[in-house]
C-alpha atoms as a PDB file:
ATOM      1  CA  MET A   1     -57.689  22.932  15.670  1.00  0.00           C
ATOM      2  CA  ASN A   2     -58.542  19.460  14.406  1.00  0.00           C
ATOM      3  CA  LYS A   3     -58.787  20.622  10.804  1.00  0.00           C
ATOM      4  CA  SER A   4     -56.003  23.239  10.784  1.00  0.00           C
ATOM      5  CA  LEU A   5     -53.083  20.772  10.816  1.00  0.00           C
ATOM      6  CA  PRO A   6     -54.312  18.686   7.836  1.00  0.00           C
ATOM      7  CA  ILE A   7     -55.153  21.869   5.923  1.00  0.00           C
ATOM      8  CA  LEU A   8     -51.640  23.255   6.552  1.00  0.00           C
ATOM      9  CA  ALA A   9     -50.133  19.954   5.443  1.00  0.00           C
ATOM     10  CA  LEU A  10     -52.119  20.026   2.194  1.00  0.00           C
ATOM     11  CA  LEU A  11     -51.088  23.632   1.547  1.00  0.00           C
ATOM     12  CA  ALA A  12     -47.431  22.775   2.156  1.00  0.00           C
ATOM     13  CA  ILE A  13     -47.614  19.796  -0.189  1.00  0.00           C
ATOM     14  CA  SER A  14     -49.264  21.827  -2.933  1.00  0.00           C
ATOM     15  CA  ALA A  15     -46.779  24.709  -2.518  1.00  0.00           C
ATOM     16  CA  LEU A  16     -43.775  22.402  -2.715  1.00  0.00           C
ATOM     17  CA  SER A  17     -45.110  20.452  -5.676  1.00  0.00           C
ATOM     18  CA  ALA A  18     -45.650  23.662  -7.646  1.00  0.00           C
ATOM     19  CA  CYS A  19     -41.876  24.358  -7.724  1.00  0.00           C
ATOM     20  CA  GLN A  20     -40.246  23.548 -11.032  1.00  0.00           C
ATOM     21  CA  LYS A  21     -37.435  21.094 -10.555  1.00  0.00           C
ATOM     22  CA  PRO A  22     -34.399  21.430 -12.836  1.00  0.00           C
ATOM     23  CA  GLU A  23     -33.987  18.676 -15.366  1.00  0.00           C
ATOM     24  CA  VAL A  24     -30.901  16.548 -14.814  1.00  0.00           C
ATOM     25  CA  VAL A  25     -28.981  15.708 -17.992  1.00  0.00           C
ATOM     26  CA  VAL A  26     -26.576  12.796 -17.793  1.00  0.00           C
ATOM     27  CA  VAL A  27     -23.737  13.110 -20.294  1.00  0.00           C
ATOM     28  CA  PRO A  28     -22.227   9.759 -21.201  1.00  0.00           C
ATOM     29  CA  ALA A  29     -18.511   9.481 -20.572  1.00  0.00           C
ATOM     30  CA  ALA A  30     -16.200   9.362 -23.570  1.00  0.00           C
ATOM     31  CA  PRO A  31     -14.796   5.897 -24.233  1.00  0.00           C
ATOM     32  CA  ALA A  32     -11.279   5.394 -22.918  1.00  0.00           C
ATOM     33  CA  VAL A  33      -8.587   5.520 -25.579  1.00  0.00           C
ATOM     34  CA  VAL A  34      -6.127   2.654 -25.235  1.00  0.00           C
ATOM     35  CA  ALA A  35      -2.746   3.218 -26.841  1.00  0.00           C
ATOM     36  CA  VAL A  36      -1.550   0.081 -28.597  1.00  0.00           C
ATOM     37  CA  PRO A  37       2.217  -0.122 -29.115  1.00  0.00           C
ATOM     38  CA  GLY A  38       3.403  -0.557 -32.655  1.00  0.00           C
ATOM     39  CA  PRO A  39       6.051  -2.938 -33.935  1.00  0.00           C
ATOM     40  CA  ALA A  40       9.498  -2.796 -32.357  1.00  0.00           C
ATOM     41  CA  GLY A  41      12.014  -0.610 -34.151  1.00  0.00           C
ATOM     42  CA  ALA A  42      15.631  -1.297 -35.008  1.00  0.00           C
ATOM     43  CA  LYS A  43      18.010  -1.865 -32.108  1.00  0.00           C
ATOM     44  CA  GLY A  44      20.253   1.096 -31.224  1.00  0.00           C
ATOM     45  CA  ASP A  45      24.022   1.227 -30.815  1.00  0.00           C
ATOM     46  CA  THR A  46      25.646  -0.008 -27.611  1.00  0.00           C
ATOM     47  CA  GLY A  47      26.439   2.747 -25.142  1.00  0.00           C
ATOM     48  CA  ALA A  48      29.901   3.701 -23.918  1.00  0.00           C
ATOM     49  CA  THR A  49      31.513   1.622 -21.164  1.00  0.00           C
ATOM     50  CA  GLY A  50      31.485   3.294 -17.754  1.00  0.00           C
ATOM     51  CA  SER A  51      34.587   4.083 -15.717  1.00  0.00           C
ATOM     52  CA  PRO A  52      35.549   1.764 -12.848  1.00  0.00           C
ATOM     53  CA  GLY A  53      34.514   2.781  -9.358  1.00  0.00           C
ATOM     54  CA  SER A  54      36.913   3.746  -6.582  1.00  0.00           C
ATOM     55  CA  ASP A  55      38.073   1.173  -4.026  1.00  0.00           C
ATOM     56  CA  GLY A  56      36.472   1.397  -0.604  1.00  0.00           C
ATOM     57  CA  ALA A  57      38.367   1.835   2.635  1.00  0.00           C
ATOM     58  CA  THR A  58      39.737  -1.347   4.219  1.00  0.00           C
ATOM     59  CA  GLY A  59      38.030  -2.409   7.433  1.00  0.00           C
ATOM     60  CA  LYS A  60      39.725  -2.745  10.804  1.00  0.00           C
ATOM     61  CA  THR A  61      41.056  -6.194  11.661  1.00  0.00           C
ATOM     62  CA  GLY A  62      39.532  -7.822  14.732  1.00  0.00           C
ATOM     63  CA  ASP A  63      41.566  -8.384  17.922  1.00  0.00           C
ATOM     64  CA  GLY A  64      40.743 -12.118  18.162  1.00  0.00           C
ATOM     65  CA  ASN A  65      38.501 -11.921  21.255  1.00  0.00           C
ATOM     66  CA  THR A  66      35.155 -13.368  20.222  1.00  0.00           C
ATOM     67  CA  VAL A  67      32.407 -13.568  22.848  1.00  0.00           C
ATOM     68  CA  ILE A  68      29.439 -15.900  22.318  1.00  0.00           C
ATOM     69  CA  VAL A  69      26.417 -15.125  24.501  1.00  0.00           C
ATOM     70  CA  ILE A  70      23.970 -17.992  25.011  1.00  0.00           C
ATOM     71  CA  PRO A  71      20.501 -16.837  26.127  1.00  0.00           C
ATOM     72  CA  ALA A  72      19.306 -18.053  29.528  1.00  0.00           C
ATOM     73  CA  GLN A  73      16.890 -20.962  29.459  1.00  0.00           C
ATOM     74  CA  ASP A  74      13.415 -20.548  30.988  1.00  0.00           C
ATOM     75  CA  ALA A  75      12.798 -22.516  34.183  1.00  0.00           C
ATOM     76  CA  SER A  76       9.396 -23.594  32.843  1.00  0.00           C
ATOM     77  CA  ALA A  77      10.834 -24.997  29.601  1.00  0.00           C
ATOM     78  CA  PRO A  78      12.044 -28.612  29.718  1.00  0.00           C
ATOM     79  CA  ALA A  79      15.751 -29.130  29.187  1.00  0.00           C
ATOM     80  CA  SER A  80      16.591 -30.608  25.805  1.00  0.00           C
ATOM     81  CA  ALA A  81      18.624 -33.791  25.525  1.00  0.00           C
ATOM     82  CA  SER A  82      21.445 -32.069  23.667  1.00  0.00           C
ATOM     83  CA  ALA A  83      21.827 -29.412  26.400  1.00  0.00           C
ATOM     84  CA  SER A  84      22.198 -31.990  29.213  1.00  0.00           C
ATOM     85  CA  ALA A  85      24.422 -34.443  27.318  1.00  0.00           C
ATOM     86  CA  PRO A  86      28.127 -34.265  28.150  1.00  0.00           C
ATOM     87  CA  LEU A  87      30.437 -32.922  25.457  1.00  0.00           C
ATOM     88  CA  LYS A  88      32.892 -35.337  23.898  1.00  0.00           C
END
């Protein structure tokens, strides 16, 4: 029993090393082709003028009742001087 495990290990190593491994061939990548623009050509003719767009619908006039909502002030926040000053 003492010698069977090392003998099996040696047999396994020799069996695995006898396998022929495929040779890996690395093909170098082709260099990237960079297109370089040539000189600018002659300028083309001006295009036709577009037609004017249609007028949008007129909005509804307000009724004159504007409501301004001032957010409530936190009790923990100190009152600012401008909020406590009387209006003139």
